[in-house]
Full PDB file with SEQRES, HELIX, SHEET, SSBOND, CRYST1, ORIGX, SCALE, CONECT and MASTER records, all heavy atoms in Angstrom:
SEQRES   1 A   31  SER ALA MET LYS GLY SER TRP ALA GLY ALA MET GLY GLN          
SEQRES   2 A   31  PRO GLN PHE LEU PRO SER SER TYR LEU ASP HIS ALA VAL          
SEQRES   3 A   31  ASP PHE ASP GLY ASP                                          
HELIX    1 AA1 PRO A   18  HIS A   24  1                                   7    
CRYST1    1.000    1.000    1.000  90.00  90.00  90.00 P 1           1          
ORIGX1      1.000000  0.000000  0.000000        0.00000                         
ORIGX2      0.000000  1.000000  0.000000        0.00000                         
ORIGX3      0.000000  0.000000  1.000000        0.00000                         
SCALE1      1.000000  0.000000  0.000000        0.00000                         
SCALE2      0.000000  1.000000  0.000000        0.00000                         
SCALE3      0.000000  0.000000  1.000000        0.00000                         
ATOM      1  N   SER A   1       0.823  -1.214   0.000  1.00  0.00           N  
ATOM      2  CA  SER A   1       0.000   0.000   0.000  1.00  0.00           C  
ATOM      3  C   SER A   1       0.853   1.259   0.000  1.00  0.00           C  
ATOM      4  O   SER A   1       0.431   2.306  -0.497  1.00  0.00           O  
ATOM      5  CB  SER A   1      -0.934   0.013   1.215  1.00  0.00           C  
ATOM      6  OG  SER A   1      -0.185  -0.009   2.425  1.00  0.00           O  
ATOM      7  N   ALA A   2       2.058   1.172   0.535  1.00  0.00           N  
ATOM      8  CA  ALA A   2       2.956   2.340   0.595  1.00  0.00           C  
ATOM      9  C   ALA A   2       3.894   2.411  -0.600  1.00  0.00           C  
ATOM     10  O   ALA A   2       4.611   3.397  -0.754  1.00  0.00           O  
ATOM     11  CB  ALA A   2       3.765   2.314   1.885  1.00  0.00           C  
ATOM     12  N   MET A   3       3.884   1.394  -1.450  1.00  0.00           N  
ATOM     13  CA  MET A   3       4.769   1.377  -2.615  1.00  0.00           C  
ATOM     14  C   MET A   3       4.137   2.222  -3.720  1.00  0.00           C  
ATOM     15  O   MET A   3       3.499   1.713  -4.630  1.00  0.00           O  
ATOM     16  CB  MET A   3       5.010  -0.060  -3.093  1.00  0.00           C  
ATOM     17  CG  MET A   3       6.041  -0.171  -4.210  1.00  0.00           C  
ATOM     18  SD  MET A   3       6.218  -1.866  -4.853  1.00  0.00           S  
ATOM     19  CE  MET A   3       7.319  -2.575  -3.655  1.00  0.00           C  
ATOM     20  N   LYS A   4       4.350   3.525  -3.641  1.00  0.00           N  
ATOM     21  CA  LYS A   4       3.719   4.460  -4.573  1.00  0.00           C  
ATOM     22  C   LYS A   4       4.666   4.783  -5.729  1.00  0.00           C  
ATOM     23  O   LYS A   4       5.884   4.867  -5.564  1.00  0.00           O  
ATOM     24  CB  LYS A   4       3.326   5.747  -3.854  1.00  0.00           C  
ATOM     25  CG  LYS A   4       2.297   5.554  -2.750  1.00  0.00           C  
ATOM     26  CD  LYS A   4       0.962   5.057  -3.304  1.00  0.00           C  
ATOM     27  CE  LYS A   4      -0.097   4.991  -2.225  1.00  0.00           C  
ATOM     28  NZ  LYS A   4      -1.389   4.492  -2.752  1.00  0.00           N  
ATOM     29  N   GLY A   5       4.076   4.966  -6.898  1.00  0.00           N  
ATOM     30  CA  GLY A   5       4.867   5.282  -8.068  1.00  0.00           C  
ATOM     31  C   GLY A   5       4.126   6.175  -9.030  1.00  0.00           C  
ATOM     32  O   GLY A   5       2.983   6.588  -8.774  1.00  0.00           O  
ATOM     33  N   SER A   6       4.764   6.460 -10.141  1.00  0.00           N  
ATOM     34  CA  SER A   6       4.164   7.286 -11.187  1.00  0.00           C  
ATOM     35  C   SER A   6       3.322   6.408 -12.097  1.00  0.00           C  
ATOM     36  O   SER A   6       3.301   5.180 -11.968  1.00  0.00           O  
ATOM     37  CB  SER A   6       5.260   7.967 -12.005  1.00  0.00           C  
ATOM     38  OG  SER A   6       5.951   6.999 -12.787  1.00  0.00           O  
ATOM     39  N   TRP A   7       2.667   7.025 -13.080  1.00  0.00           N  
ATOM     40  CA  TRP A   7       1.882   6.262 -14.046  1.00  0.00           C  
ATOM     41  C   TRP A   7       2.762   5.340 -14.880  1.00  0.00           C  
ATOM     42  O   TRP A   7       2.286   4.390 -15.496  1.00  0.00           O  
ATOM     43  CB  TRP A   7       1.088   7.197 -14.952  1.00  0.00           C  
ATOM     44  CG  TRP A   7       1.940   8.116 -15.783  1.00  0.00           C  
ATOM     45  CD1 TRP A   7       2.301   9.399 -15.481  1.00  0.00           C  
ATOM     46  CD2 TRP A   7       2.554   7.815 -17.038  1.00  0.00           C  
ATOM     47  NE1 TRP A   7       3.113   9.914 -16.473  1.00  0.00           N  
ATOM     48  CE2 TRP A   7       3.280   8.962 -17.448  1.00  0.00           C  
ATOM     49  CE3 TRP A   7       2.571   6.693 -17.868  1.00  0.00           C  
ATOM     50  CZ2 TRP A   7       4.003   9.012 -18.635  1.00  0.00           C  
ATOM     51  CZ3 TRP A   7       3.304   6.744 -19.064  1.00  0.00           C  
ATOM     52  CH2 TRP A   7       3.999   7.897 -19.427  1.00  0.00           C  
ATOM     53  N   ALA A   8       4.087   5.602 -14.893  1.00  0.00           N  
ATOM     54  CA  ALA A   8       5.019   4.757 -15.641  1.00  0.00           C  
ATOM     55  C   ALA A   8       5.655   3.679 -14.772  1.00  0.00           C  
ATOM     56  O   ALA A   8       6.457   2.887 -15.265  1.00  0.00           O  
ATOM     57  CB  ALA A   8       6.108   5.613 -16.271  1.00  0.00           C  
ATOM     58  N   GLY A   9       5.329   3.662 -13.477  1.00  0.00           N  
ATOM     59  CA  GLY A   9       5.848   2.641 -12.588  1.00  0.00           C  
ATOM     60  C   GLY A   9       7.090   3.017 -11.821  1.00  0.00           C  
ATOM     61  O   GLY A   9       7.592   2.228 -11.019  1.00  0.00           O  
ATOM     62  N   ALA A  10       7.643   4.240 -12.036  1.00  0.00           N  
ATOM     63  CA  ALA A  10       8.835   4.679 -11.310  1.00  0.00           C  
ATOM     64  C   ALA A  10       8.439   5.103  -9.900  1.00  0.00           C  
ATOM     65  O   ALA A  10       7.440   5.793  -9.703  1.00  0.00           O  
ATOM     66  CB  ALA A  10       9.511   5.827 -12.039  1.00  0.00           C  
ATOM     67  N   MET A  11       9.248   4.706  -8.912  1.00  0.00           N  
ATOM     68  CA  MET A  11       8.821   4.793  -7.518  1.00  0.00           C  
ATOM     69  C   MET A  11       9.600   5.843  -6.720  1.00  0.00           C  
ATOM     70  O   MET A  11      10.792   6.056  -6.914  1.00  0.00           O  
ATOM     71  CB  MET A  11       9.014   3.440  -6.843  1.00  0.00           C  
ATOM     72  CG  MET A  11       8.352   2.271  -7.553  1.00  0.00           C  
ATOM     73  SD  MET A  11       8.509   0.712  -6.634  1.00  0.00           S  
ATOM     74  CE  MET A  11      10.282   0.610  -6.392  1.00  0.00           C  
ATOM     75  N   GLY A  12       8.879   6.459  -5.784  1.00  0.00           N  
ATOM     76  CA  GLY A  12       9.488   7.272  -4.760  1.00  0.00           C  
ATOM     77  C   GLY A  12      10.153   8.538  -5.251  1.00  0.00           C  
ATOM     78  O   GLY A  12       9.981   8.974  -6.389  1.00  0.00           O  
ATOM     79  N   GLN A  13      10.929   9.139  -4.351  1.00  0.00           N  
ATOM     80  CA  GLN A  13      11.555  10.427  -4.645  1.00  0.00           C  
ATOM     81  C   GLN A  13      12.613  10.361  -5.753  1.00  0.00           C  
ATOM     82  O   GLN A  13      12.711  11.282  -6.555  1.00  0.00           O  
ATOM     83  CB  GLN A  13      12.157  10.995  -3.360  1.00  0.00           C  
ATOM     84  CG  GLN A  13      11.113  11.280  -2.287  1.00  0.00           C  
ATOM     85  CD  GLN A  13      11.702  11.919  -1.042  1.00  0.00           C  
ATOM     86  OE1 GLN A  13      12.623  12.741  -1.120  1.00  0.00           O  
ATOM     87  NE2 GLN A  13      11.190  11.534   0.124  1.00  0.00           N  
ATOM     88  N   PRO A  14      13.399   9.280  -5.864  1.00  0.00           N  
ATOM     89  CA  PRO A  14      14.349   9.204  -6.981  1.00  0.00           C  
ATOM     90  C   PRO A  14      13.727   8.704  -8.268  1.00  0.00           C  
ATOM     91  O   PRO A  14      14.391   8.696  -9.297  1.00  0.00           O  
ATOM     92  CB  PRO A  14      15.400   8.195  -6.483  1.00  0.00           C  
ATOM     93  CG  PRO A  14      15.112   7.954  -5.045  1.00  0.00           C  
ATOM     94  CD  PRO A  14      13.657   8.233  -4.867  1.00  0.00           C  
ATOM     95  N   GLN A  15      12.473   8.233  -8.212  1.00  0.00           N  
ATOM     96  CA  GLN A  15      11.779   7.670  -9.368  1.00  0.00           C  
ATOM     97  C   GLN A  15      12.534   6.477  -9.948  1.00  0.00           C  
ATOM     98  O   GLN A  15      12.899   6.439 -11.124  1.00  0.00           O  
ATOM     99  CB  GLN A  15      11.525   8.742 -10.429  1.00  0.00           C  
ATOM    100  CG  GLN A  15      10.406   9.716 -10.060  1.00  0.00           C  
ATOM    101  CD  GLN A  15       9.038   9.039 -10.073  1.00  0.00           C  
ATOM    102  OE1 GLN A  15       8.402   8.933 -11.105  1.00  0.00           O  
ATOM    103  NE2 GLN A  15       8.575   8.588  -8.909  1.00  0.00           N  
ATOM    104  N   PHE A  16      12.737   5.478  -9.092  1.00  0.00           N  
ATOM    105  CA  PHE A  16      13.371   4.223  -9.485  1.00  0.00           C  
ATOM    106  C   PHE A  16      12.313   3.220  -9.929  1.00  0.00           C  
ATOM    107  O   PHE A  16      11.285   3.056  -9.258  1.00  0.00           O  
ATOM    108  CB  PHE A  16      14.108   3.592  -8.298  1.00  0.00           C  
ATOM    109  CG  PHE A  16      15.451   4.173  -7.980  1.00  0.00           C  
ATOM    110  CD1 PHE A  16      16.162   3.713  -6.882  1.00  0.00           C  
ATOM    111  CD2 PHE A  16      16.017   5.174  -8.752  1.00  0.00           C  
ATOM    112  CE1 PHE A  16      17.405   4.227  -6.556  1.00  0.00           C  
ATOM    113  CE2 PHE A  16      17.261   5.709  -8.436  1.00  0.00           C  
ATOM    114  CZ  PHE A  16      17.961   5.223  -7.327  1.00  0.00           C  
ATOM    115  N   LEU A  17      12.560   2.523 -11.021  1.00  0.00           N  
ATOM    116  CA  LEU A  17      11.815   1.311 -11.287  1.00  0.00           C  
ATOM    117  C   LEU A  17      12.233   0.260 -10.256  1.00  0.00           C  
ATOM    118  O   LEU A  17      13.321   0.357  -9.664  1.00  0.00           O  
ATOM    119  CB  LEU A  17      12.088   0.814 -12.698  1.00  0.00           C  
ATOM    120  CG  LEU A  17      11.432   1.613 -13.832  1.00  0.00           C  
ATOM    121  CD1 LEU A  17      11.972   1.152 -15.185  1.00  0.00           C  
ATOM    122  CD2 LEU A  17       9.910   1.482 -13.799  1.00  0.00           C  
ATOM    123  N   PRO A  18      11.391  -0.744  -9.999  1.00  0.00           N  
ATOM    124  CA  PRO A  18      11.748  -1.728  -8.970  1.00  0.00           C  
ATOM    125  C   PRO A  18      13.102  -2.386  -9.172  1.00  0.00           C  
ATOM    126  O   PRO A  18      13.835  -2.619  -8.201  1.00  0.00           O  
ATOM    127  CB  PRO A  18      10.601  -2.735  -9.065  1.00  0.00           C  
ATOM    128  CG  PRO A  18       9.432  -1.922  -9.513  1.00  0.00           C  
ATOM    129  CD  PRO A  18       9.999  -0.926 -10.476  1.00  0.00           C  
ATOM    130  N   SER A  19      13.481  -2.704 -10.412  1.00  0.00           N  
ATOM    131  CA  SER A  19      14.784  -3.324 -10.636  1.00  0.00           C  
ATOM    132  C   SER A  19      15.917  -2.377 -10.255  1.00  0.00           C  
ATOM    133  O   SER A  19      16.947  -2.813  -9.717  1.00  0.00           O  
ATOM    134  CB  SER A  19      14.931  -3.765 -12.092  1.00  0.00           C  
ATOM    135  OG  SER A  19      14.804  -2.655 -12.974  1.00  0.00           O  
ATOM    136  N   SER A  20      15.742  -1.079 -10.499  1.00  0.00           N  
ATOM    137  CA  SER A  20      16.759  -0.102 -10.089  1.00  0.00           C  
ATOM    138  C   SER A  20      16.812   0.011  -8.577  1.00  0.00           C  
ATOM    139  O   SER A  20      17.894   0.188  -7.993  1.00  0.00           O  
ATOM    140  CB  SER A  20      16.458   1.262 -10.713  1.00  0.00           C  
ATOM    141  OG  SER A  20      16.617   1.226 -12.112  1.00  0.00           O  
ATOM    142  N   TYR A  21      15.659  -0.082  -7.943  1.00  0.00           N  
ATOM    143  CA  TYR A  21      15.631  -0.076  -6.476  1.00  0.00           C  
ATOM    144  C   TYR A  21      16.461  -1.236  -5.934  1.00  0.00           C  
ATOM    145  O   TYR A  21      17.294  -1.053  -5.034  1.00  0.00           O  
ATOM    146  CB  TYR A  21      14.187  -0.180  -5.991  1.00  0.00           C  
ATOM    147  CG  TYR A  21      14.046  -0.271  -4.483  1.00  0.00           C  
ATOM    148  CD1 TYR A  21      13.742   0.860  -3.731  1.00  0.00           C  
ATOM    149  CD2 TYR A  21      14.218  -1.488  -3.823  1.00  0.00           C  
ATOM    150  CE1 TYR A  21      13.618   0.771  -2.343  1.00  0.00           C  
ATOM    151  CE2 TYR A  21      14.098  -1.583  -2.445  1.00  0.00           C  
ATOM    152  CZ  TYR A  21      13.801  -0.447  -1.714  1.00  0.00           C  
ATOM    153  OH  TYR A  21      13.688  -0.531  -0.350  1.00  0.00           O  
ATOM    154  N   LEU A  22      16.248  -2.437  -6.454  1.00  0.00           N  
ATOM    155  CA  LEU A  22      16.992  -3.597  -5.970  1.00  0.00           C  
ATOM    156  C   LEU A  22      18.488  -3.418  -6.168  1.00  0.00           C  
ATOM    157  O   LEU A  22      19.289  -3.834  -5.327  1.00  0.00           O  
ATOM    158  CB  LEU A  22      16.521  -4.863  -6.689  1.00  0.00           C  
ATOM    159  CG  LEU A  22      15.110  -5.356  -6.347  1.00  0.00           C  
ATOM    160  CD1 LEU A  22      14.756  -6.559  -7.211  1.00  0.00           C  
ATOM    161  CD2 LEU A  22      14.986  -5.701  -4.868  1.00  0.00           C  
ATOM    162  N   ASP A  23      18.879  -2.781  -7.260  1.00  0.00           N  
ATOM    163  CA  ASP A  23      20.303  -2.626  -7.583  1.00  0.00           C  
ATOM    164  C   ASP A  23      20.964  -1.456  -6.869  1.00  0.00           C  
ATOM    165  O   ASP A  23      22.169  -1.522  -6.567  1.00  0.00           O  
ATOM    166  CB  ASP A  23      20.483  -2.445  -9.093  1.00  0.00           C  
ATOM    167  CG  ASP A  23      20.179  -3.698  -9.883  1.00  0.00           C  
ATOM    168  OD1 ASP A  23      20.193  -4.795  -9.301  1.00  0.00           O  
ATOM    169  OD2 ASP A  23      19.903  -3.575 -11.098  1.00  0.00           O  
ATOM    170  N   HIS A  24      20.214  -0.386  -6.590  1.00  0.00           N  
ATOM    171  CA  HIS A  24      20.866   0.865  -6.198  1.00  0.00           C  
ATOM    172  C   HIS A  24      20.368   1.508  -4.910  1.00  0.00           C  
ATOM    173  O   HIS A  24      21.069   2.360  -4.351  1.00  0.00           O  
ATOM    174  CB  HIS A  24      20.726   1.891  -7.329  1.00  0.00           C  
ATOM    175  CG  HIS A  24      21.221   1.417  -8.648  1.00  0.00           C  
ATOM    176  ND1 HIS A  24      22.538   1.062  -8.878  1.00  0.00           N  
ATOM    177  CD2 HIS A  24      20.584   1.218  -9.837  1.00  0.00           C  
ATOM    178  CE1 HIS A  24      22.689   0.671 -10.130  1.00  0.00           C  
ATOM    179  NE2 HIS A  24      21.519   0.750 -10.732  1.00  0.00           N  
ATOM    180  N   ALA A  25      19.182   1.168  -4.437  1.00  0.00           N  
ATOM    181  CA  ALA A  25      18.669   1.821  -3.228  1.00  0.00           C  
ATOM    182  C   ALA A  25      19.499   1.438  -2.012  1.00  0.00           C  
ATOM    183  O   ALA A  25      19.947   0.291  -1.889  1.00  0.00           O  
ATOM    184  CB  ALA A  25      17.204   1.439  -3.008  1.00  0.00           C  
ATOM    185  N   VAL A  26      19.722   2.402  -1.124  1.00  0.00           N  
ATOM    186  CA  VAL A  26      20.538   2.166   0.073  1.00  0.00           C  
ATOM    187  C   VAL A  26      19.825   2.701   1.309  1.00  0.00           C  
ATOM    188  O   VAL A  26      19.011   3.621   1.235  1.00  0.00           O  
ATOM    189  CB  VAL A  26      21.931   2.830  -0.051  1.00  0.00           C  
ATOM    190  CG1 VAL A  26      22.744   2.207  -1.171  1.00  0.00           C  
ATOM    191  CG2 VAL A  26      21.809   4.327  -0.259  1.00  0.00           C  
ATOM    192  N   ASP A  27      20.170   2.109   2.431  1.00  0.00           N  
ATOM    193  CA  ASP A  27      19.694   2.584   3.734  1.00  0.00           C  
ATOM    194  C   ASP A  27      20.770   3.476   4.315  1.00  0.00           C  
ATOM    195  O   ASP A  27      21.724   3.000   4.926  1.00  0.00           O  
ATOM    196  CB  ASP A  27      19.403   1.381   4.640  1.00  0.00           C  
ATOM    197  CG  ASP A  27      19.135   1.803   6.089  1.00  0.00           C  
ATOM    198  OD1 ASP A  27      18.716   2.960   6.298  1.00  0.00           O  
ATOM    199  OD2 ASP A  27      19.351   0.967   6.990  1.00  0.00           O  
ATOM    200  N   PHE A  28      20.631   4.781   4.117  1.00  0.00           N  
ATOM    201  CA  PHE A  28      21.681   5.707   4.575  1.00  0.00           C  
ATOM    202  C   PHE A  28      21.395   6.270   5.959  1.00  0.00           C  
ATOM    203  O   PHE A  28      22.308   6.723   6.639  1.00  0.00           O  
ATOM    204  CB  PHE A  28      21.850   6.858   3.578  1.00  0.00           C  
ATOM    205  CG  PHE A  28      23.184   7.536   3.655  1.00  0.00           C  
ATOM    206  CD1 PHE A  28      24.318   6.942   3.111  1.00  0.00           C  
ATOM    207  CD2 PHE A  28      23.323   8.764   4.277  1.00  0.00           C  
ATOM    208  CE1 PHE A  28      25.566   7.555   3.184  1.00  0.00           C  
ATOM    209  CE2 PHE A  28      24.557   9.395   4.356  1.00  0.00           C  
ATOM    210  CZ  PHE A  28      25.690   8.785   3.811  1.00  0.00           C  
ATOM    211  N   ASP A  29      20.126   6.259   6.363  1.00  0.00           N  
ATOM    212  CA  ASP A  29      19.816   6.796   7.695  1.00  0.00           C  
ATOM    213  C   ASP A  29      19.906   5.739   8.789  1.00  0.00           C  
ATOM    214  O   ASP A  29      19.712   6.034   9.967  1.00  0.00           O  
ATOM    215  CB  ASP A  29      18.437   7.476   7.712  1.00  0.00           C  
ATOM    216  CG  ASP A  29      17.304   6.519   7.365  1.00  0.00           C  
ATOM    217  OD1 ASP A  29      17.508   5.292   7.391  1.00  0.00           O  
ATOM    218  OD2 ASP A  29      16.198   7.023   7.061  1.00  0.00           O  
ATOM    219  N   GLY A  30      20.193   4.490   8.400  1.00  0.00           N  
ATOM    220  CA  GLY A  30      20.486   3.445   9.378  1.00  0.00           C  
ATOM    221  C   GLY A  30      19.289   2.883  10.115  1.00  0.00           C  
ATOM    222  O   GLY A  30      19.473   2.262  11.170  1.00  0.00           O  
ATOM    223  N   ASP A  31      18.083   3.021   9.552  1.00  0.00           N  
ATOM    224  CA  ASP A  31      16.910   2.485  10.246  1.00  0.00           C  
ATOM    225  C   ASP A  31      16.566   1.058   9.821  1.00  0.00           C  
ATOM    226  O   ASP A  31      15.546   0.507  10.240  1.00  0.00           O  
ATOM    227  CB  ASP A  31      15.692   3.391  10.051  1.00  0.00           C  
ATOM    228  CG  ASP A  31      15.170   3.390   8.616  1.00  0.00           C  
ATOM    229  OD1 ASP A  31      15.834   2.819   7.731  1.00  0.00           O  
ATOM    230  OD2 ASP A  31      14.099   3.995   8.382  1.00  0.00           O  
TER     231      ASP A  31                                                      
MASTER        0    0    0    1    0    0    0    6  230    1    0    3          
END                                                                             
Protein backbone atom coordinates (compact mmCIF):
# COMPACT_ATOMS: atom_id res chain seq x y z
CA SER A 1 0.00 0.00 0.00
CA ALA A 2 2.96 2.34 0.60
CA MET A 3 4.77 1.38 -2.61
CA LYS A 4 3.72 4.46 -4.57
CA GLY A 5 4.87 5.28 -8.07
CA SER A 6 4.16 7.29 -11.19
CA TRP A 7 1.88 6.26 -14.05
CA ALA A 8 5.02 4.76 -15.64
CA GLY A 9 5.85 2.64 -12.59
CA ALA A 10 8.84 4.68 -11.31
CA MET A 11 8.82 4.79 -7.52
CA GLY A 12 9.49 7.27 -4.76
CA GLN A 13 11.55 10.43 -4.64
CA PRO A 14 14.35 9.20 -6.98
CA GLN A 15 11.78 7.67 -9.37
CA PHE A 16 13.37 4.22 -9.48
CA LEU A 17 11.81 1.31 -11.29
CA PRO A 18 11.75 -1.73 -8.97
CA SER A 19 14.78 -3.32 -10.64
CA SER A 20 16.76 -0.10 -10.09
CA TYR A 21 15.63 -0.08 -6.48
CA LEU A 22 16.99 -3.60 -5.97
CA ASP A 23 20.30 -2.63 -7.58
CA HIS A 24 20.87 0.86 -6.20
CA ALA A 25 18.67 1.82 -3.23
CA VAL A 26 20.54 2.17 0.07
CA ASP A 27 19.69 2.58 3.73
CA PHE A 28 21.68 5.71 4.57
CA ASP A 29 19.82 6.80 7.69
CA GLY A 30 20.49 3.45 9.38
CA ASP A 31 16.91 2.48 10.25
